[in-house]
Amino acid sequence: MMKKDELQIVLVDWLDAMSDDNTWQDLKELQEQKLRPVTSVGYLIKEDKDSTILVSSFDEESQCGGGGVVIPNNCITKKLVLKGQFNVE
């Protein structure tokens, strides 16, 4: 069982994929699009060699999380522990 006080709170900067709204796009315009920089902050639920999983809300009693995101580790540009091991709280 995960305990809220034992979870790290992290800030993760990462690059997200670009996607259109399923409309026709000029190919030249599409080629000029860049990856979108995103910042996510949340409870670190799981981290392995492939991905980092965060939730913005955590209910310890039900063991449920809200606002979850699974971030591919190869898209992460920076990770900072805001609360948890080796940090002043």
C-alpha atoms as a PDB file:
ATOM      1  CA  MET A   1       0.000   0.000   0.000  1.00  0.00           C
ATOM      2  CA  MET A   2       1.368   3.422  -0.999  1.00  0.00           C
ATOM      3  CA  LYS A   3       1.541   6.068   1.724  1.00  0.00           C
ATOM      4  CA  LYS A   4       1.246   9.748   0.770  1.00  0.00           C
ATOM      5  CA  ASP A   5       4.060  10.774   3.104  1.00  0.00           C
ATOM      6  CA  GLU A   6       6.410   8.259   1.482  1.00  0.00           C
ATOM      7  CA  LEU A   7       5.812   9.447  -2.090  1.00  0.00           C
ATOM      8  CA  GLN A   8       8.125  11.939  -3.748  1.00  0.00           C
ATOM      9  CA  ILE A   9       6.674  15.063  -5.312  1.00  0.00           C
ATOM     10  CA  VAL A  10       8.552  15.863  -8.510  1.00  0.00           C
ATOM     11  CA  LEU A  11       8.671  18.476 -11.237  1.00  0.00           C
ATOM     12  CA  VAL A  12       9.285  17.012 -14.690  1.00  0.00           C
ATOM     13  CA  ASP A  13      10.072  19.009 -17.836  1.00  0.00           C
ATOM     14  CA  TRP A  14       9.466  16.941 -20.955  1.00  0.00           C
ATOM     15  CA  LEU A  15       8.775  17.198 -24.678  1.00  0.00           C
ATOM     16  CA  ASP A  16       5.304  16.190 -25.817  1.00  0.00           C
ATOM     17  CA  ALA A  17       4.343  15.024 -29.291  1.00  0.00           C
ATOM     18  CA  MET A  18       2.414  17.377 -31.548  1.00  0.00           C
ATOM     19  CA  SER A  19      -0.923  16.330 -32.984  1.00  0.00           C
ATOM     20  CA  ASP A  20      -3.524  18.034 -35.114  1.00  0.00           C
ATOM     21  CA  ASP A  21      -7.268  17.905 -34.681  1.00  0.00           C
ATOM     22  CA  ASN A  22      -7.682  15.385 -37.527  1.00  0.00           C
ATOM     23  CA  THR A  23      -8.021  18.076 -40.166  1.00  0.00           C
ATOM     24  CA  TRP A  24      -6.087  18.457 -43.398  1.00  0.00           C
ATOM     25  CA  GLN A  25      -2.777  20.273 -42.913  1.00  0.00           C
ATOM     26  CA  ASP A  26      -0.323  21.798 -45.301  1.00  0.00           C
ATOM     27  CA  LEU A  27       2.716  19.485 -45.275  1.00  0.00           C
ATOM     28  CA  LYS A  28       5.175  22.393 -45.194  1.00  0.00           C
ATOM     29  CA  GLU A  29       3.432  23.798 -42.122  1.00  0.00           C
ATOM     30  CA  LEU A  30       3.415  20.365 -40.492  1.00  0.00           C
ATOM     31  CA  GLN A  31       7.166  19.942 -41.077  1.00  0.00           C
ATOM     32  CA  GLU A  32       7.834  23.213 -39.248  1.00  0.00           C
ATOM     33  CA  GLN A  33       6.079  22.126 -36.041  1.00  0.00           C
ATOM     34  CA  LYS A  34       8.237  21.538 -32.984  1.00  0.00           C
ATOM     35  CA  LEU A  35       7.818  19.278 -30.007  1.00  0.00           C
ATOM     36  CA  ARG A  36       5.862  21.016 -27.260  1.00  0.00           C
ATOM     37  CA  PRO A  37       7.695  21.633 -23.949  1.00  0.00           C
ATOM     38  CA  VAL A  38       5.523  20.635 -20.973  1.00  0.00           C
ATOM     39  CA  THR A  39       6.026  20.829 -17.203  1.00  0.00           C
ATOM     40  CA  SER A  40       4.234  18.332 -14.954  1.00  0.00           C
ATOM     41  CA  VAL A  41       4.248  18.339 -11.152  1.00  0.00           C
ATOM     42  CA  GLY A  42       2.908  15.490  -9.073  1.00  0.00           C
ATOM     43  CA  TYR A  43       3.318  12.462  -6.878  1.00  0.00           C
ATOM     44  CA  LEU A  44       5.798   9.978  -8.346  1.00  0.00           C
ATOM     45  CA  ILE A  45       3.837   6.720  -8.506  1.00  0.00           C
ATOM     46  CA  LYS A  46       6.258   4.597 -10.543  1.00  0.00           C
ATOM     47  CA  GLU A  47       9.523   4.990 -12.391  1.00  0.00           C
ATOM     48  CA  ASP A  48      11.263   2.335 -14.449  1.00  0.00           C
ATOM     49  CA  LYS A  49      13.682   2.259 -17.386  1.00  0.00           C
ATOM     50  CA  ASP A  50      10.948   3.223 -19.874  1.00  0.00           C
ATOM     51  CA  SER A  51       8.581   5.636 -18.171  1.00  0.00           C
ATOM     52  CA  THR A  52       7.754   7.893 -15.245  1.00  0.00           C
ATOM     53  CA  ILE A  53       4.197   7.928 -13.871  1.00  0.00           C
ATOM     54  CA  LEU A  54       2.806  10.922 -11.954  1.00  0.00           C
ATOM     55  CA  VAL A  55      -0.577  11.799 -10.478  1.00  0.00           C
ATOM     56  CA  SER A  56      -1.599  15.298  -9.435  1.00  0.00           C
ATOM     57  CA  SER A  57      -4.041  14.005  -6.803  1.00  0.00           C
ATOM     58  CA  PHE A  58      -3.666  10.968  -4.546  1.00  0.00           C
ATOM     59  CA  ASP A  59      -6.262   9.316  -2.282  1.00  0.00           C
ATOM     60  CA  GLU A  60      -4.337   7.146   0.153  1.00  0.00           C
ATOM     61  CA  GLU A  61      -7.417   5.354   1.492  1.00  0.00           C
ATOM     62  CA  SER A  62      -8.732   4.169  -1.882  1.00  0.00           C
ATOM     63  CA  GLN A  63      -5.263   3.945  -3.479  1.00  0.00           C
ATOM     64  CA  CYS A  64      -6.530   5.975  -6.434  1.00  0.00           C
ATOM     65  CA  GLY A  65      -4.915   8.849  -8.301  1.00  0.00           C
ATOM     66  CA  GLY A  66      -6.281  11.664 -10.428  1.00  0.00           C
ATOM     67  CA  GLY A  67      -4.668  13.648 -13.197  1.00  0.00           C
ATOM     68  CA  GLY A  68      -2.333  10.811 -14.146  1.00  0.00           C
ATOM     69  CA  VAL A  69       0.312  11.047 -16.826  1.00  0.00           C
ATOM     70  CA  VAL A  70       2.730   8.434 -18.168  1.00  0.00           C
ATOM     71  CA  ILE A  71       5.836  10.152 -19.540  1.00  0.00           C
ATOM     72  CA  PRO A  72       8.321   8.279 -21.736  1.00  0.00           C
ATOM     73  CA  ASN A  73      11.741   8.725 -20.082  1.00  0.00           C
ATOM     74  CA  ASN A  74      13.395   9.532 -23.408  1.00  0.00           C
ATOM     75  CA  CYS A  75      11.155  12.656 -23.583  1.00  0.00           C
ATOM     76  CA  ILE A  76      12.246  13.987 -20.165  1.00  0.00           C
ATOM     77  CA  THR A  77      14.623  16.953 -20.264  1.00  0.00           C
ATOM     78  CA  LYS A  78      14.739  17.681 -16.504  1.00  0.00           C
ATOM     79  CA  LYS A  79      13.498  16.086 -13.294  1.00  0.00           C
ATOM     80  CA  LEU A  80      13.601  17.798  -9.907  1.00  0.00           C
ATOM     81  CA  VAL A  81      12.522  16.251  -6.598  1.00  0.00           C
ATOM     82  CA  LEU A  82      10.491  18.871  -4.715  1.00  0.00           C
ATOM     83  CA  LYS A  83       9.658  16.689  -1.689  1.00  0.00           C
ATOM     84  CA  GLY A  84      11.009  13.325  -0.685  1.00  0.00           C
ATOM     85  CA  GLN A  85      14.247  11.499  -0.123  1.00  0.00           C
ATOM     86  CA  PHE A  86      17.348  13.657   0.290  1.00  0.00           C
ATOM     87  CA  ASN A  87      15.343  16.922   0.305  1.00  0.00           C
ATOM     88  CA  VAL A  88      14.466  19.352   3.046  1.00  0.00           C
ATOM     89  CA  GLU A  89      10.701  19.284   3.544  1.00  0.00           C
END
